[in-house]
Amino acid sequence: MNKAFILIVLLLLSFYSCKEIPNDGQALKSDNFTETHRPKFHFTPAAAWMNDPNGMYYLEGTYHLSYQYYPDSTVWGPMHWGHASSKDLVSWEEQAVILYPDSLGYIFSGSAVVDTQNTSGFGSKDSIPVVAAFTHHDPEGEQAGSQDFQYQSLAYSIDKGYSWTKYEGNPVLKNNTGIRDFRDPKLIWHSETSQWIMALAVYDRVQFYGSVNLKQWQYLSEFGIEGDTRLWECPDLFPLKIADGEETKWVLIVSIQQQGPNGGTGTSYFIGDFDGTTFTAETNQQWLDWGADNYAFVTWDNAPLDQSRRLGIGWMSNWQYAQEVPTKKWRSAMTVPRELTLHRDDDRYYLKSLPVEALRKLRSTKTNIPPEVISNEKELQGNFRVSQSEMELLIDLDKTTSNEFGITFYNEEGEALKVAFYPGENMMQVDRQQSGPEGFSDAFFKGPHTAPLQMQGGVLDLQFLSDVTSLELFALEGALNFTDIFFPSSPYSRLKVWSKQGDLVLKGGTVYGLNSFRGYPQP
């Protein structure tokens, strides 16, 4: 394609993007959410490619979720911002695309804030503006080998987020670092210094910028790990009060594009202090989720919670194989929304993460699992669909003598997802190597995936969310999260608990059938 033609296309896109993008707020409709591998209670777009969550905020009873979106294909392409909304973080309505590529480039990841004081001047006394900061990515500059083809821009909405206008002064922050990767602005208001803070991923570190009006930005500081040369993305900085305490610390979430805990991408965090200029870590890097498929996890602005809780969501995939997974009409889902809390044991700070309580409204049938000693294996049966369920198990570690026990999800084709626990090694495993037909990606079937899990006596609490092609595991009241996806030939229909070389002592549990938020009930 010649450069003149590219220039004409970009100019036309620029003309369209300078206008407000209309949207009457009516959800986009799909006549088919029953395709093979389509989740029932996780958000997926009706069609096409989706990745990182973006532009998340709460305003007047509605949670808004934007995301990286390419409406013309099921693989990554010129990025837009898709948009969905929810009243409860459970039922989602897909809205019209809100940001399109323009003459400055594609619309990469970013964030949105409710500018309640109208510091930006985009609103009025009667209209609170929502302001989005995003990365413009210039593909021509990238192809030409320049170092400054990514820069930060703004868009704003004065109708709660259904139509948007790009700021005529874009870009508001150019790249003068000499580093090519300069993206994913995450905004937060810092009341102590009366300024907006932007956390920005700059290759292998996070840079912080300050502004009083979201339009002019001043460099403040940077944070990184000495000797770390991995690519960092999607930072998120916010304060969090310790659960059941008065101390407040700052959390810095950073997604890592290489060498995640089980290969490829992963989401990590640091805990420390932020004085309005500098972030100082008091912990080493910790993993927010040990599975292979929770990336770019970021949090909602203005959510109606106290200072000890924070709401967030992640992209449920991994760049090693995201563009190759065997879905046809659509590609990728989000994790369930999760609530973060901060905890301290002795001098160790760490996060816990659990599904939002609102998901309980999807519960339909209930099957109780009685206390039992399992020496071999036992199939769990009840009025629930295994592939669309929530299971809670309590394991008595003091009485359990087995050094290997677990849960297996499987179907009539012999495909299986195996979750194993090894108390003697304080380790757990998720093995998806036999989870479904191979052939779409060699990286996908590597494994098994592992995570450290303290099992030194007491009771081990486990919560499993199973949704057709994903398993989200929460242990120790959310101290450990583990998210993996899989693609069986048919949904897993059977479930067994098993033990090797000793007894597994169950204190009991519960399995709930879950309805789809789209109105499809449990069969």
Protein backbone atom coordinates (compact mmCIF):
# COMPACT_ATOMS: atom_id res chain seq x y z
CA MET A 1 0.00 0.00 0.00
CA ASN A 2 1.56 3.35 -1.00
CA LYS A 3 2.08 6.18 1.45
CA ALA A 4 -0.29 8.56 -0.35
CA PHE A 5 -3.17 6.14 0.06
CA ILE A 6 -2.32 5.61 3.74
CA LEU A 7 -2.28 9.39 4.24
CA ILE A 8 -5.74 9.77 2.66
CA VAL A 9 -7.17 7.02 4.90
CA LEU A 10 -5.68 8.58 8.02
CA LEU A 11 -7.02 12.01 7.10
CA LEU A 12 -10.51 10.59 6.67
CA LEU A 13 -10.23 8.85 10.02
CA SER A 14 -9.06 12.09 11.58
CA PHE A 15 -12.10 13.96 10.20
CA TYR A 16 -14.45 11.35 11.66
CA SER A 17 -12.66 11.16 15.03
CA CYS A 18 -12.72 14.91 15.62
CA LYS A 19 -16.50 14.78 15.85
CA GLU A 20 -18.44 13.45 18.78
CA ILE A 21 -19.09 9.77 18.26
CA PRO A 22 -22.85 9.27 18.64
CA ASN A 23 -24.29 6.46 20.70
CA ASP A 24 -27.83 6.41 21.98
CA GLY A 25 -26.82 4.09 24.83
CA GLN A 26 -28.70 1.14 23.39
CA ALA A 27 -26.69 -2.06 23.76
CA LEU A 28 -25.43 -3.81 20.67
CA LYS A 29 -27.37 -7.01 20.21
CA SER A 30 -26.17 -10.46 19.23
CA ASP A 31 -28.50 -13.25 18.12
CA ASN A 32 -25.97 -15.91 19.06
CA PHE A 33 -24.11 -16.24 22.34
CA THR A 34 -24.26 -20.02 22.30
CA GLU A 35 -21.25 -20.82 20.12
CA THR A 36 -18.85 -23.57 21.16
CA HIS A 37 -16.49 -22.25 23.84
CA ARG A 38 -18.58 -19.13 24.56
CA PRO A 39 -18.50 -18.32 28.33
CA LYS A 40 -21.83 -17.92 30.10
CA PHE A 41 -21.03 -15.48 32.91
CA HIS A 42 -17.81 -13.80 31.76
CA PHE A 43 -17.87 -10.75 29.51
CA THR A 44 -17.04 -11.37 25.85
CA PRO A 45 -17.72 -9.09 22.88
CA ALA A 46 -20.44 -10.25 20.51
CA ALA A 47 -17.81 -10.59 17.80
CA ALA A 48 -14.19 -9.79 16.92
CA TRP A 49 -10.94 -9.30 18.82
CA MET A 50 -10.61 -8.01 22.40
CA ASN A 51 -7.67 -7.60 24.76
CA ASP A 52 -6.70 -5.24 27.65
CA PRO A 53 -9.43 -3.67 29.81
CA ASN A 54 -9.31 0.14 29.51
CA GLY A 55 -11.12 3.26 30.65
CA MET A 56 -12.91 1.79 33.69
CA TYR A 57 -14.99 4.03 35.94
CA TYR A 58 -18.23 4.14 37.93
CA LEU A 59 -20.73 6.96 37.58
CA GLU A 60 -24.32 7.36 38.78
CA GLY A 61 -25.11 3.70 39.26
CA THR A 62 -23.26 2.30 36.24
CA TYR A 63 -19.88 0.57 35.90
CA HIS A 64 -18.16 1.23 32.59
CA LEU A 65 -15.63 -1.09 31.00
CA SER A 66 -13.74 -0.23 27.82
CA TYR A 67 -11.23 -2.54 26.18
CA GLN A 68 -8.80 -2.89 23.33
CA TYR A 69 -10.91 -3.88 20.36
CA TYR A 70 -10.51 -4.58 16.65
CA PRO A 71 -14.00 -4.86 15.11
CA ASP A 72 -12.84 -6.16 11.72
CA SER A 73 -11.08 -9.38 12.73
CA THR A 74 -10.55 -11.97 15.45
CA VAL A 75 -6.82 -11.20 15.56
CA TRP A 76 -5.09 -8.03 16.76
CA GLY A 77 -5.25 -5.06 14.40
CA PRO A 78 -5.73 -1.26 14.43
CA MET A 79 -6.88 -0.70 17.98
CA HIS A 80 -10.19 0.92 18.98
CA TRP A 81 -11.85 1.19 22.37
CA GLY A 82 -14.85 -1.08 22.71
CA HIS A 83 -17.31 -0.31 25.50
CA ALA A 84 -19.61 -2.24 27.85
CA SER A 85 -21.64 -1.19 30.87
CA SER A 86 -23.16 -2.86 33.92
CA LYS A 87 -25.32 -1.90 36.86
CA ASP A 88 -23.95 -4.68 39.07
CA LEU A 89 -20.63 -6.01 37.66
CA VAL A 90 -22.49 -9.19 36.69
CA SER A 91 -24.78 -8.43 33.73
CA TRP A 92 -22.97 -6.60 30.93
CA GLU A 93 -24.37 -4.75 27.92
CA GLU A 94 -22.08 -4.19 24.97
CA GLN A 95 -22.24 -0.59 23.76
CA ALA A 96 -21.01 1.09 20.58
CA VAL A 97 -17.28 1.61 19.99
CA ILE A 98 -16.24 4.88 21.66
CA LEU A 99 -12.75 5.64 20.26
CA TYR A 100 -11.52 5.05 16.72
CA PRO A 101 -8.05 5.33 15.12
CA ASP A 102 -7.29 8.74 13.63
CA SER A 103 -4.46 10.69 12.01
CA LEU A 104 -2.36 10.39 15.18
CA GLY A 105 -2.59 6.60 15.16
CA TYR A 106 -4.26 3.61 16.76
CA ILE A 107 -5.96 3.91 20.16
CA PHE A 108 -3.88 1.85 22.60
CA SER A 109 -4.58 1.18 26.27
CA GLY A 110 -5.32 3.81 28.89
CA SER A 111 -7.74 4.79 31.64
CA ALA A 112 -10.66 7.06 32.44
CA VAL A 113 -11.50 9.20 35.47
CA VAL A 114 -14.57 11.05 36.68
CA ASP A 115 -13.34 14.65 36.89
CA THR A 116 -15.71 15.68 39.69
CA GLN A 117 -14.03 19.09 40.19
CA ASN A 118 -13.92 19.80 36.42
CA THR A 119 -10.18 20.45 36.66
CA SER A 120 -9.95 19.79 32.93
CA GLY A 121 -12.55 22.41 32.02
CA PHE A 122 -14.22 19.91 29.70
CA GLY A 123 -17.44 19.94 31.72
CA SER A 124 -19.64 22.53 33.35
CA LYS A 125 -21.47 23.21 36.59
CA ASP A 126 -24.25 20.90 35.46
CA SER A 127 -22.20 18.26 33.67
CA ILE A 128 -19.38 16.26 35.25
CA PRO A 129 -16.86 15.28 32.57
CA VAL A 130 -15.39 11.82 32.23
CA VAL A 131 -11.85 12.09 30.87
CA ALA A 132 -9.97 9.27 29.17
CA ALA A 133 -6.20 9.20 28.73
CA PHE A 134 -4.90 6.78 26.12
CA THR A 135 -1.83 6.04 24.03
CA HIS A 136 -1.82 7.12 20.41
CA HIS A 137 0.30 4.63 18.47
CA ASP A 138 1.55 5.85 15.09
CA PRO A 139 2.07 2.77 12.87
CA GLU A 140 3.93 4.73 10.17
CA GLY A 141 6.38 6.08 12.74
CA GLU A 142 6.90 2.58 14.11
CA GLN A 143 7.59 1.18 10.64
CA ALA A 144 9.99 4.03 9.92
CA GLY A 145 12.02 3.10 13.01
CA SER A 146 11.41 6.29 14.99
CA GLN A 147 11.63 6.29 18.77
CA ASP A 148 8.67 8.59 19.48
CA PHE A 149 5.71 6.89 17.76
CA GLN A 150 3.77 6.49 21.03
CA TYR A 151 2.38 9.47 22.92
CA GLN A 152 -0.48 10.22 25.31
CA SER A 153 -3.78 11.86 24.37
CA LEU A 154 -7.17 12.72 25.88
CA ALA A 155 -10.84 12.30 25.06
CA TYR A 156 -13.79 13.44 27.13
CA SER A 157 -17.49 12.77 27.56
CA ILE A 158 -20.17 14.99 29.05
CA ASP A 159 -22.98 12.43 28.78
CA LYS A 160 -21.60 9.92 31.31
CA GLY A 161 -19.48 8.10 28.72
CA TYR A 162 -21.71 7.25 25.75
CA SER A 163 -20.33 9.81 23.31
CA TRP A 164 -16.77 11.13 23.27
CA THR A 165 -14.79 14.04 21.86
CA LYS A 166 -11.06 13.88 21.35
CA TYR A 167 -9.16 16.84 22.79
CA GLU A 168 -8.05 19.24 20.07
CA GLY A 169 -4.70 19.72 21.83
CA ASN A 170 -3.65 16.07 21.46
CA PRO A 171 -1.14 14.74 22.19
CA VAL A 172 -0.78 16.06 25.74
CA LEU A 173 2.40 14.13 26.52
CA LYS A 174 5.00 13.47 23.85
CA ASN A 175 7.74 10.89 24.11
CA ASN A 176 11.09 12.55 24.80
CA THR A 177 12.61 9.53 26.56
CA GLY A 178 14.33 7.92 23.58
CA ILE A 179 12.53 4.69 24.55
CA ARG A 180 10.12 3.20 22.03
CA ASP A 181 7.67 1.65 24.52
CA PHE A 182 5.86 4.60 26.12
CA ARG A 183 2.24 3.73 26.85
CA ASP A 184 -0.80 2.74 28.92
CA PRO A 185 -1.48 5.86 31.04
CA LYS A 186 -3.36 5.17 34.29
CA LEU A 187 -4.77 8.23 36.09
CA ILE A 188 -5.55 8.88 39.74
CA TRP A 189 -6.26 12.04 41.75
CA HIS A 190 -3.72 12.61 44.56
CA SER A 191 -5.58 14.74 47.10
CA GLU A 192 -2.57 15.44 49.31
CA THR A 193 -0.81 17.35 46.52
CA SER A 194 -3.98 18.40 44.64
CA GLN A 195 -2.88 16.96 41.32
CA TRP A 196 -3.55 14.17 38.90
CA ILE A 197 -0.92 11.42 38.77
CA MET A 198 -0.26 9.46 35.59
CA ALA A 199 1.49 6.09 35.87
CA LEU A 200 3.00 5.24 32.49
CA ALA A 201 4.74 2.07 31.28
CA VAL A 202 8.12 2.96 29.75
CA TYR A 203 9.63 -0.33 28.61
CA ASP A 204 11.06 -1.90 31.82
CA ARG A 205 9.85 0.68 34.35
CA VAL A 206 7.00 2.95 35.33
CA GLN A 207 7.30 6.71 35.03
CA PHE A 208 5.10 9.11 37.01
CA TYR A 209 3.82 12.45 35.76
CA GLY A 210 1.76 15.13 37.49
CA SER A 211 -0.87 17.60 36.26
CA VAL A 212 -3.43 19.96 37.79
CA ASN A 213 -5.73 19.92 34.74
CA LEU A 214 -5.01 16.66 32.83
CA LYS A 215 -3.72 18.70 29.88
CA GLN A 216 -0.21 19.82 30.88
CA TRP A 217 2.04 17.17 32.43
CA GLN A 218 5.29 17.35 34.37
CA TYR A 219 7.70 14.46 34.86
CA LEU A 220 7.98 13.41 38.52
CA SER A 221 9.99 10.19 38.91
CA GLU A 222 10.35 6.59 37.81
CA PHE A 223 10.33 3.15 39.38
CA GLY A 224 11.89 -0.10 38.18
CA ILE A 225 13.82 -3.18 39.23
CA GLU A 226 17.57 -3.02 38.77
CA GLY A 227 18.62 -5.45 36.08
CA ASP A 228 15.07 -6.22 34.93
CA THR A 229 14.78 -5.90 31.14
CA ARG A 230 11.30 -7.40 30.68
CA LEU A 231 8.61 -5.33 28.98
CA TRP A 232 6.23 -3.71 31.52
CA GLU A 233 2.68 -2.72 30.60
CA CYS A 234 -0.63 -1.47 32.04
CA PRO A 235 0.50 0.06 35.36
CA ASP A 236 -2.03 0.99 38.04
CA LEU A 237 -1.24 3.01 41.18
CA PHE A 238 -3.70 3.43 44.07
CA PRO A 239 -3.86 3.64 47.89
CA LEU A 240 -5.40 0.86 49.95
CA LYS A 241 -6.11 0.69 53.66
CA ILE A 242 -5.15 -2.55 55.38
CA ALA A 243 -8.17 -4.73 56.10
CA ASP A 244 -9.28 -4.38 59.73
CA GLY A 245 -6.67 -1.68 60.34
CA GLU A 246 -5.87 1.99 59.93
CA GLU A 247 -2.58 1.82 58.00
CA THR A 248 -2.69 2.82 54.33
CA LYS A 249 -0.14 1.69 51.75
CA TRP A 250 0.14 2.25 47.99
CA VAL A 251 -0.20 -0.57 45.47
CA LEU A 252 1.51 -0.50 42.08
CA ILE A 253 0.21 -3.12 39.66
CA VAL A 254 2.39 -3.89 36.63
CA SER A 255 1.75 -6.42 33.89
CA ILE A 256 4.80 -8.24 32.52
CA GLN A 257 4.88 -9.42 28.91
CA GLN A 258 7.59 -12.05 29.35
CA GLN A 259 8.51 -14.62 31.99
CA GLY A 260 5.18 -14.69 33.77
CA PRO A 261 4.76 -17.24 36.56
CA ASN A 262 3.80 -19.95 34.05
CA GLY A 263 5.26 -18.59 30.84
CA GLY A 264 4.41 -15.59 28.71
CA THR A 265 2.40 -12.78 30.24
CA GLY A 266 1.39 -12.19 33.85
CA THR A 267 0.21 -9.51 36.27
CA SER A 268 2.34 -8.52 39.26
CA TYR A 269 2.30 -5.90 42.00
CA PHE A 270 4.43 -4.01 44.51
CA ILE A 271 3.35 -2.51 47.84
CA GLY A 272 4.96 0.61 49.27
CA ASP A 273 4.51 4.36 49.69
CA PHE A 274 3.84 7.24 47.32
CA ASP A 275 4.39 10.86 48.39
CA GLY A 276 2.96 12.56 45.31
CA THR A 277 6.28 12.36 43.50
CA THR A 278 8.02 9.06 44.15
CA PHE A 279 6.87 5.48 44.65
CA THR A 280 9.03 3.52 47.10
CA ALA A 281 8.47 -0.23 47.20
CA GLU A 282 8.50 -2.06 50.53
CA THR A 283 7.96 -5.50 48.99
CA ASN A 284 9.52 -7.44 46.19
CA GLN A 285 7.50 -8.10 43.07
CA GLN A 286 4.57 -10.44 43.80
CA TRP A 287 2.17 -12.17 41.40
CA LEU A 288 -1.46 -11.11 41.48
CA ASP A 289 -2.48 -14.34 39.72
CA TRP A 290 -0.33 -17.46 39.27
CA GLY A 291 -2.21 -18.88 36.30
CA ALA A 292 -1.33 -18.31 32.66
CA ASP A 293 -4.42 -16.27 31.81
CA ASN A 294 -4.91 -13.10 33.80
CA TYR A 295 -3.17 -10.17 32.12
CA ALA A 296 -3.45 -6.37 32.12
CA PHE A 297 -5.48 -6.39 35.35
CA VAL A 298 -6.47 -2.81 36.25
CA THR A 299 -9.00 -1.17 38.57
CA TRP A 300 -12.12 1.00 38.40
CA ASP A 301 -12.04 4.73 39.12
CA ASN A 302 -14.67 6.23 41.44
CA ALA A 303 -16.09 2.85 42.52
CA PRO A 304 -18.50 3.09 45.48
CA LEU A 305 -16.29 1.31 48.02
CA ASP A 306 -14.50 2.25 51.22
CA GLN A 307 -10.73 2.75 51.24
CA SER A 308 -9.99 -0.87 52.17
CA ARG A 309 -11.33 -2.35 48.91
CA ARG A 310 -10.58 -1.90 45.22
CA LEU A 311 -12.38 -3.36 42.19
CA GLY A 312 -10.53 -4.64 39.14
CA ILE A 313 -10.68 -6.96 36.14
CA GLY A 314 -8.18 -8.63 33.80
CA TRP A 315 -7.94 -9.92 30.24
CA MET A 316 -8.32 -13.71 30.38
CA SER A 317 -5.66 -14.78 27.91
CA ASN A 318 -1.92 -14.81 27.24
CA TRP A 319 0.00 -13.22 24.36
CA GLN A 320 1.76 -16.56 23.70
CA TYR A 321 -1.39 -17.93 22.04
CA ALA A 322 -4.19 -15.33 22.30
CA GLN A 323 -4.52 -14.93 18.53
CA GLU A 324 -4.56 -18.68 17.89
CA VAL A 325 -7.19 -20.02 20.29
CA PRO A 326 -10.00 -21.96 18.55
CA THR A 327 -12.86 -19.48 18.80
CA LYS A 328 -14.28 -18.34 15.48
CA LYS A 329 -16.64 -15.40 15.79
CA TRP A 330 -15.10 -13.69 18.83
CA ARG A 331 -11.81 -13.87 20.68
CA SER A 332 -11.04 -13.47 24.39
CA ALA A 333 -12.99 -12.93 27.59
CA MET A 334 -12.43 -10.88 30.73
CA THR A 335 -11.95 -12.46 34.14
CA VAL A 336 -14.79 -12.03 36.59
CA PRO A 337 -14.54 -8.68 38.40
CA ARG A 338 -12.51 -9.08 41.58
CA GLU A 339 -12.25 -7.20 44.86
CA LEU A 340 -8.74 -6.50 46.15
CA THR A 341 -7.92 -6.14 49.84
CA LEU A 342 -4.58 -5.45 51.55
CA HIS A 343 -3.22 -7.60 54.38
CA ARG A 344 -0.17 -7.80 56.60
CA ASP A 345 1.42 -10.80 58.30
CA ASP A 346 4.28 -9.71 60.55
CA ASP A 347 6.19 -7.42 58.17
CA ARG A 348 4.85 -8.94 54.95
CA TYR A 349 2.27 -7.00 52.94
CA TYR A 350 0.20 -8.83 50.34
CA LEU A 351 -3.08 -8.62 48.41
CA LYS A 352 -6.06 -10.90 48.53
CA SER A 353 -8.43 -11.07 45.58
CA LEU A 354 -11.89 -12.63 45.45
CA PRO A 355 -14.81 -12.56 42.99
CA VAL A 356 -17.22 -9.72 43.67
CA GLU A 357 -20.09 -10.82 45.91
CA ALA A 358 -22.62 -9.71 43.30
CA LEU A 359 -21.81 -12.86 41.29
CA ARG A 360 -23.76 -14.84 43.89
CA LYS A 361 -26.98 -13.62 42.28
CA LEU A 362 -26.24 -16.04 39.41
CA ARG A 363 -26.47 -19.02 41.76
CA SER A 364 -29.40 -21.30 41.01
CA THR A 365 -29.21 -24.92 42.14
CA LYS A 366 -27.29 -25.96 45.26
CA THR A 367 -25.65 -29.32 45.98
CA ASN A 368 -24.12 -29.94 49.40
CA ILE A 369 -20.94 -32.01 49.65
CA PRO A 370 -20.93 -33.84 53.00
CA PRO A 371 -17.80 -34.46 55.11
CA GLU A 372 -16.02 -37.53 53.80
CA VAL A 373 -12.71 -39.40 53.76
CA ILE A 374 -11.56 -40.13 50.20
CA SER A 375 -8.89 -42.79 49.75
CA ASN A 376 -9.11 -43.22 45.99
CA GLU A 377 -11.60 -41.13 44.01
CA LYS A 378 -15.21 -40.01 44.17
CA GLU A 379 -17.37 -38.47 41.47
CA LEU A 380 -19.32 -35.42 42.59
CA GLN A 381 -22.86 -35.45 41.27
CA GLY A 382 -25.81 -33.16 41.75
CA ASN A 383 -28.19 -30.73 40.14
CA PHE A 384 -25.59 -28.60 38.39
CA ARG A 385 -23.70 -28.34 35.12
CA VAL A 386 -19.97 -28.87 35.75
CA SER A 387 -18.99 -26.42 33.01
CA GLN A 388 -21.17 -23.65 34.47
CA SER A 389 -20.67 -23.84 38.21
CA GLU A 390 -19.13 -22.54 41.40
CA MET A 391 -17.63 -25.01 43.87
CA GLU A 392 -16.44 -24.43 47.43
CA LEU A 393 -14.41 -27.10 49.23
CA LEU A 394 -12.94 -27.25 52.73
CA ILE A 395 -10.06 -29.67 53.29
CA ASP A 396 -8.86 -30.74 56.74
CA LEU A 397 -5.09 -30.68 56.32
CA ASP A 398 -4.44 -31.88 59.89
CA LYS A 399 -6.21 -35.18 59.18
CA THR A 400 -5.31 -35.55 55.50
CA THR A 401 -2.47 -38.06 55.04
CA SER A 402 -2.23 -37.92 51.25
CA ASN A 403 0.68 -36.05 49.70
CA GLU A 404 -1.17 -35.71 46.40
CA PHE A 405 -4.86 -34.99 45.99
CA GLY A 406 -7.01 -32.94 43.68
CA ILE A 407 -10.00 -32.33 41.46
CA THR A 408 -10.42 -33.33 37.81
CA PHE A 409 -12.91 -31.84 35.33
CA TYR A 410 -13.51 -34.11 32.33
CA ASN A 411 -15.86 -35.02 29.48
CA GLU A 412 -16.95 -38.14 27.63
CA GLU A 413 -14.18 -37.69 25.06
CA GLY A 414 -11.58 -38.31 27.77
CA GLU A 415 -10.36 -34.70 27.78
CA ALA A 416 -9.57 -33.43 31.25
CA LEU A 417 -8.34 -30.51 33.33
CA LYS A 418 -6.53 -31.72 36.44
CA VAL A 419 -5.98 -29.59 39.56
CA ALA A 420 -3.53 -31.18 42.02
CA PHE A 421 -2.29 -30.24 45.49
CA TYR A 422 0.98 -31.37 47.11
CA PRO A 423 1.00 -30.53 50.85
CA GLY A 424 4.50 -31.84 51.41
CA GLU A 425 5.85 -29.45 48.80
CA ASN A 426 3.48 -26.52 49.53
CA MET A 427 2.66 -26.48 45.85
CA MET A 428 -0.34 -26.80 43.54
CA GLN A 429 -0.66 -27.62 39.84
CA VAL A 430 -3.11 -27.09 37.03
CA ASP A 431 -2.54 -29.47 34.13
CA ARG A 432 -4.32 -28.66 30.84
CA GLN A 433 -2.09 -30.78 28.62
CA GLN A 434 -5.01 -33.17 27.99
CA SER A 435 -7.71 -30.50 28.22
CA GLY A 436 -8.79 -30.61 24.57
CA PRO A 437 -7.69 -31.12 20.96
CA GLU A 438 -4.17 -29.94 20.24
CA GLY A 439 -2.95 -28.26 17.09
CA PHE A 440 -3.65 -24.55 17.50
CA SER A 441 -0.63 -23.65 19.67
CA ASP A 442 2.38 -25.54 21.04
CA ALA A 443 2.82 -22.97 23.82
CA PHE A 444 -0.74 -23.51 25.07
CA PHE A 445 -0.19 -27.16 25.97
CA LYS A 446 3.10 -26.75 27.82
CA GLY A 447 2.93 -27.44 31.50
CA PRO A 448 1.69 -28.31 33.96
CA HIS A 449 1.28 -24.87 35.54
CA THR A 450 2.35 -24.50 39.16
CA ALA A 451 2.04 -22.12 42.10
CA PRO A 452 3.29 -22.07 45.70
CA LEU A 453 0.50 -22.70 48.23
CA GLN A 454 1.06 -22.93 51.97
CA MET A 455 -0.59 -26.11 53.31
CA GLN A 456 0.89 -26.49 56.80
CA GLY A 457 -2.13 -27.76 58.70
CA GLY A 458 -5.49 -26.21 59.45
CA VAL A 459 -8.23 -25.93 56.85
CA LEU A 460 -7.57 -25.29 53.17
CA ASP A 461 -10.44 -23.35 51.60
CA LEU A 462 -10.86 -23.59 47.83
CA GLN A 463 -13.27 -21.80 45.49
CA PHE A 464 -13.58 -22.76 41.82
CA LEU A 465 -15.42 -20.82 39.11
CA SER A 466 -15.93 -22.98 36.01
CA ASP A 467 -17.30 -21.34 32.86
CA VAL A 468 -17.12 -23.52 29.72
CA THR A 469 -13.52 -22.65 28.81
CA SER A 470 -12.03 -21.17 31.97
CA LEU A 471 -11.26 -22.03 35.57
CA GLU A 472 -10.62 -19.39 38.20
CA LEU A 473 -9.34 -20.78 41.49
CA PHE A 474 -9.19 -18.83 44.77
CA ALA A 475 -7.46 -20.32 47.82
CA LEU A 476 -6.75 -19.18 51.38
CA GLU A 477 -9.53 -16.58 51.24
CA GLY A 478 -8.10 -15.14 48.04
CA ALA A 479 -4.42 -15.04 49.01
CA LEU A 480 -3.79 -17.20 45.95
CA ASN A 481 -5.49 -16.68 42.58
CA PHE A 482 -5.02 -19.02 39.62
CA THR A 483 -6.66 -18.50 36.20
CA ASP A 484 -6.32 -20.86 33.24
CA ILE A 485 -8.32 -21.23 30.03
CA PHE A 486 -8.86 -24.37 27.93
CA PHE A 487 -10.85 -25.50 24.88
CA PRO A 488 -12.38 -29.00 25.18
CA SER A 489 -14.25 -30.64 22.30
CA SER A 490 -17.38 -30.58 24.42
CA PRO A 491 -17.96 -28.92 27.81
CA TYR A 492 -16.68 -30.77 30.85
CA SER A 493 -19.65 -32.71 32.20
CA ARG A 494 -18.11 -34.73 35.04
CA LEU A 495 -16.17 -33.88 38.17
CA LYS A 496 -14.23 -36.08 40.55
CA VAL A 497 -12.23 -35.57 43.73
CA TRP A 498 -9.30 -37.93 44.17
CA SER A 499 -6.45 -38.84 46.49
CA LYS A 500 -3.23 -40.82 46.09
CA GLN A 501 -1.19 -42.69 48.71
CA GLY A 502 -3.30 -41.72 51.68
CA ASP A 503 -6.54 -40.13 52.77
CA LEU A 504 -8.05 -36.81 51.72
CA VAL A 505 -10.35 -35.55 54.46
CA LEU A 506 -13.12 -33.27 53.26
CA LYS A 507 -14.83 -31.14 55.86
CA GLY A 508 -17.55 -30.47 53.31
CA GLY A 509 -18.42 -28.11 50.52
CA THR A 510 -21.03 -26.82 48.11
CA VAL A 511 -21.54 -26.77 44.35
CA TYR A 512 -23.80 -24.13 42.84
CA GLY A 513 -25.15 -24.17 39.33
CA LEU A 514 -24.72 -20.72 37.82
CA ASN A 515 -27.04 -18.99 35.38
CA SER A 516 -25.76 -16.99 32.44
CA PHE A 517 -26.11 -13.24 32.85
CA ARG A 518 -27.55 -13.22 29.34
CA GLY A 519 -30.63 -15.04 30.62
CA TYR A 520 -29.71 -18.63 29.82
CA PRO A 521 -30.63 -20.62 32.97
CA GLN A 522 -28.99 -23.75 34.29
CA PRO A 523 -30.38 -26.75 32.40
